[in-house]
C-alpha atoms as a PDB file:
ATOM      1  CA  MET A   1      34.470  16.378  -2.486  1.00  0.00           C
ATOM      2  CA  HIS A   2      34.447  12.651  -3.335  1.00  0.00           C
ATOM      3  CA  LYS A   3      33.497  11.736   0.250  1.00  0.00           C
ATOM      4  CA  ILE A   4      30.540  14.118   0.092  1.00  0.00           C
ATOM      5  CA  LEU A   5      29.437  12.569  -3.215  1.00  0.00           C
ATOM      6  CA  ALA A   6      29.779   9.099  -1.695  1.00  0.00           C
ATOM      7  CA  ALA A   7      27.596  10.148   1.261  1.00  0.00           C
ATOM      8  CA  ALA A   8      25.026  11.536  -1.184  1.00  0.00           C
ATOM      9  CA  GLY A   9      25.055   8.249  -3.079  1.00  0.00           C
ATOM     10  CA  VAL A  10      24.647   6.086   0.012  1.00  0.00           C
ATOM     11  CA  ASN A  11      21.784   8.177   1.375  1.00  0.00           C
ATOM     12  CA  GLY A  12      20.157   8.373  -2.051  1.00  0.00           C
ATOM     13  CA  VAL A  13      20.301   4.616  -2.594  1.00  0.00           C
ATOM     14  CA  LEU A  14      18.936   3.860   0.865  1.00  0.00           C
ATOM     15  CA  GLY A  15      16.217   6.490   0.588  1.00  0.00           C
ATOM     16  CA  VAL A  16      14.954   5.191  -2.754  1.00  0.00           C
ATOM     17  CA  ALA A  17      15.229   1.528  -1.763  1.00  0.00           C
ATOM     18  CA  PHE A  18      13.454   1.868   1.569  1.00  0.00           C
ATOM     19  CA  GLY A  19      10.879   4.279   0.160  1.00  0.00           C
ATOM     20  CA  ALA A  20      10.041   1.856  -2.638  1.00  0.00           C
ATOM     21  CA  TRP A  21       9.918  -1.060  -0.248  1.00  0.00           C
ATOM     22  CA  ALA A  22       7.552   0.842   2.050  1.00  0.00           C
ATOM     23  CA  ALA A  23       5.331   1.716  -0.913  1.00  0.00           C
ATOM     24  CA  HIS A  24       5.273  -1.702  -2.563  1.00  0.00           C
ATOM     25  CA  GLY A  25       6.435  -4.479  -0.283  1.00  0.00           C
ATOM     26  CA  LEU A  26       5.453  -3.940   3.305  1.00  0.00           C
ATOM     27  CA  GLU A  27       1.687  -3.610   3.296  1.00  0.00           C
ATOM     28  CA  GLY A  28       0.276  -6.371   5.464  1.00  0.00           C
ATOM     29  CA  ARG A  29       3.741  -7.240   6.814  1.00  0.00           C
ATOM     30  CA  LEU A  30       4.133  -4.259   9.130  1.00  0.00           C
ATOM     31  CA  PRO A  31       1.586  -2.042  10.866  1.00  0.00           C
ATOM     32  CA  PRO A  32       0.703   1.206   9.053  1.00  0.00           C
ATOM     33  CA  ALA A  33       2.568   3.284  11.658  1.00  0.00           C
ATOM     34  CA  ALA A  34       5.769   1.301  11.041  1.00  0.00           C
ATOM     35  CA  ILE A  35       5.442   1.790   7.285  1.00  0.00           C
ATOM     36  CA  GLU A  36       5.051   5.521   7.887  1.00  0.00           C
ATOM     37  CA  TRP A  37       8.254   5.550   9.967  1.00  0.00           C
ATOM     38  CA  ILE A  38      10.080   3.956   7.034  1.00  0.00           C
ATOM     39  CA  ARG A  39       8.627   6.517   4.627  1.00  0.00           C
ATOM     40  CA  THR A  40       9.711   9.323   6.930  1.00  0.00           C
ATOM     41  CA  GLY A  41      13.254   7.960   7.144  1.00  0.00           C
ATOM     42  CA  ALA A  42      13.428   7.530   3.366  1.00  0.00           C
ATOM     43  CA  SER A  43      12.161  11.057   2.771  1.00  0.00           C
ATOM     44  CA  TYR A  44      14.750  12.627   5.055  1.00  0.00           C
ATOM     45  CA  GLN A  45      17.506  10.549   3.492  1.00  0.00           C
ATOM     46  CA  LEU A  46      16.528  11.647  -0.008  1.00  0.00           C
ATOM     47  CA  TRP A  47      16.319  15.327   0.911  1.00  0.00           C
ATOM     48  CA  HIS A  48      19.707  15.185   2.559  1.00  0.00           C
ATOM     49  CA  ALA A  49      21.233  13.253  -0.343  1.00  0.00           C
ATOM     50  CA  ALA A  50      20.210  16.190  -2.535  1.00  0.00           C
ATOM     51  CA  ALA A  51      21.645  18.635  -0.002  1.00  0.00           C
ATOM     52  CA  LEU A  52      24.916  16.693  -0.024  1.00  0.00           C
ATOM     53  CA  LEU A  53      25.081  17.031  -3.812  1.00  0.00           C
ATOM     54  CA  GLY A  54      24.783  20.782  -3.385  1.00  0.00           C
ATOM     55  CA  LEU A  55      27.551  20.772  -0.799  1.00  0.00           C
ATOM     56  CA  ALA A  56      29.770  18.709  -3.108  1.00  0.00           C
ATOM     57  CA  ALA A  57      29.336  21.354  -5.792  1.00  0.00           C
ATOM     58  CA  LEU A  58      30.249  24.085  -3.304  1.00  0.00           C
ATOM     59  CA  ALA A  59      33.188  22.148  -1.879  1.00  0.00           C
ATOM     60  CA  GLY A  60      34.876  22.162  -5.262  1.00  0.00           C
ATOM     61  CA  ARG A  61      34.827  25.968  -5.417  1.00  0.00           C
ATOM     62  CA  HIS A  62      34.591  27.074  -1.794  1.00  0.00           C
ATOM     63  CA  ALA A  63      36.324  24.542   0.402  1.00  0.00           C
ATOM     64  CA  THR A  64      35.660  25.638   3.958  1.00  0.00           C
ATOM     65  CA  ARG A  65      35.618  23.732   7.205  1.00  0.00           C
ATOM     66  CA  LEU A  66      31.946  24.658   7.617  1.00  0.00           C
ATOM     67  CA  ILE A  67      30.987  22.902   4.386  1.00  0.00           C
ATOM     68  CA  GLY A  68      32.740  19.783   5.667  1.00  0.00           C
ATOM     69  CA  VAL A  69      30.910  20.080   8.988  1.00  0.00           C
ATOM     70  CA  ALA A  70      27.613  20.479   7.138  1.00  0.00           C
ATOM     71  CA  ALA A  71      28.372  17.407   5.032  1.00  0.00           C
ATOM     72  CA  ILE A  72      29.072  15.318   8.133  1.00  0.00           C
ATOM     73  CA  GLY A  73      25.845  16.558   9.721  1.00  0.00           C
ATOM     74  CA  PHE A  74      23.791  15.778   6.635  1.00  0.00           C
ATOM     75  CA  GLY A  75      25.416  12.437   5.818  1.00  0.00           C
ATOM     76  CA  LEU A  76      25.732  10.920   9.269  1.00  0.00           C
ATOM     77  CA  GLY A  77      22.523  12.528  10.496  1.00  0.00           C
ATOM     78  CA  ALA A  78      20.463  11.120   7.628  1.00  0.00           C
ATOM     79  CA  LEU A  79      21.971   7.662   8.107  1.00  0.00           C
ATOM     80  CA  LEU A  80      21.233   7.657  11.836  1.00  0.00           C
ATOM     81  CA  PHE A  81      17.784   9.199  11.418  1.00  0.00           C
ATOM     82  CA  GLY A  82      16.646   6.911   8.611  1.00  0.00           C
ATOM     83  CA  GLY A  83      18.436   3.821   9.875  1.00  0.00           C
ATOM     84  CA  SER A  84      17.026   4.131  13.359  1.00  0.00           C
ATOM     85  CA  LEU A  85      13.503   4.511  11.990  1.00  0.00           C
ATOM     86  CA  TYR A  86      13.926   1.470   9.734  1.00  0.00           C
ATOM     87  CA  LEU A  87      15.192  -0.633  12.639  1.00  0.00           C
ATOM     88  CA  TYR A  88      12.481   0.623  14.967  1.00  0.00           C
ATOM     89  CA  ALA A  89       9.797  -0.190  12.394  1.00  0.00           C
ATOM     90  CA  TRP A  90      11.088  -3.771  12.056  1.00  0.00           C
ATOM     91  CA  THR A  91      11.899  -4.543  15.660  1.00  0.00           C
ATOM     92  CA  GLU A  92       9.743  -2.178  17.746  1.00  0.00           C
ATOM     93  CA  GLN A  93      12.751  -1.886  20.075  1.00  0.00           C
ATOM     94  CA  ALA A  94      12.623   1.543  21.710  1.00  0.00           C
ATOM     95  CA  VAL A  95      16.418   1.820  21.784  1.00  0.00           C
ATOM     96  CA  PHE A  96      16.369   2.476  18.046  1.00  0.00           C
ATOM     97  CA  ALA A  97      13.785   5.244  18.417  1.00  0.00           C
ATOM     98  CA  MET A  98      16.106   6.945  20.908  1.00  0.00           C
ATOM     99  CA  VAL A  99      18.766   7.290  18.177  1.00  0.00           C
ATOM    100  CA  THR A 100      16.412   9.123  15.806  1.00  0.00           C
ATOM    101  CA  PRO A 101      16.685  12.534  17.549  1.00  0.00           C
ATOM    102  CA  ILE A 102      20.483  12.285  17.419  1.00  0.00           C
ATOM    103  CA  GLY A 103      20.277  11.958  13.646  1.00  0.00           C
ATOM    104  CA  GLY A 104      17.832  14.848  13.556  1.00  0.00           C
ATOM    105  CA  ALA A 105      20.134  17.020  15.643  1.00  0.00           C
ATOM    106  CA  LEU A 106      23.038  16.244  13.326  1.00  0.00           C
ATOM    107  CA  MET A 107      20.964  17.237  10.289  1.00  0.00           C
ATOM    108  CA  ILE A 108      19.933  20.475  12.007  1.00  0.00           C
ATOM    109  CA  GLY A 109      23.590  21.099  12.811  1.00  0.00           C
ATOM    110  CA  GLY A 110      24.390  20.545   9.140  1.00  0.00           C
ATOM    111  CA  TRP A 111      21.880  23.210   8.156  1.00  0.00           C
ATOM    112  CA  LEU A 112      23.300  25.609  10.758  1.00  0.00           C
ATOM    113  CA  ALA A 113      26.797  25.008   9.388  1.00  0.00           C
ATOM    114  CA  THR A 114      25.471  25.644   5.876  1.00  0.00           C
ATOM    115  CA  PHE A 115      23.962  28.913   7.080  1.00  0.00           C
ATOM    116  CA  ALA A 116      27.258  29.952   8.686  1.00  0.00           C
ATOM    117  CA  ALA A 117      29.206  28.897   5.562  1.00  0.00           C
ATOM    118  CA  ALA A 118      27.105  31.307   3.514  1.00  0.00           C
ATOM    119  CA  PHE A 119      28.679  34.202   5.374  1.00  0.00           C
ATOM    120  CA  ARG A 120      32.185  32.778   5.120  1.00  0.00           C
ATOM    121  CA  VAL A 121      31.850  32.077   1.372  1.00  0.00           C
ATOM    122  CA  GLY A 122      30.058  35.393   0.799  1.00  0.00           C
ATOM    123  CA  SER A 123      32.840  37.371   2.461  1.00  0.00           C
ATOM    124  CA  ARG A 124      35.373  35.863   0.018  1.00  0.00           C
ATOM    125  CA  SER A 125      33.439  36.834  -3.104  1.00  0.00           C
END
């Protein structure tokens, strides 16, 4: 559970910091499209930080492998998704944009694992 909370904290901090920076510190320094990429990354990181908090609460009561898989998908996926967008916005290097779908796929996998965990947890109740 503590690793899931740590992942929530990291993604939450990065999401708030980059979101605030995009809103207040980048205008005129980066093109509007690049600022939007940063906002998108920050938004996904914040949503998945909240999802990780929910998983941490579940992990304490319903420790299943699927909840751990979901946590990895959410935590690593949000870091790769957001981080790749931040780097792409700053550098315009296409290699970073190619990492973004990997992060997205991991987050989707996390949601699929959450869906499957609902049946596993529900069958134990």
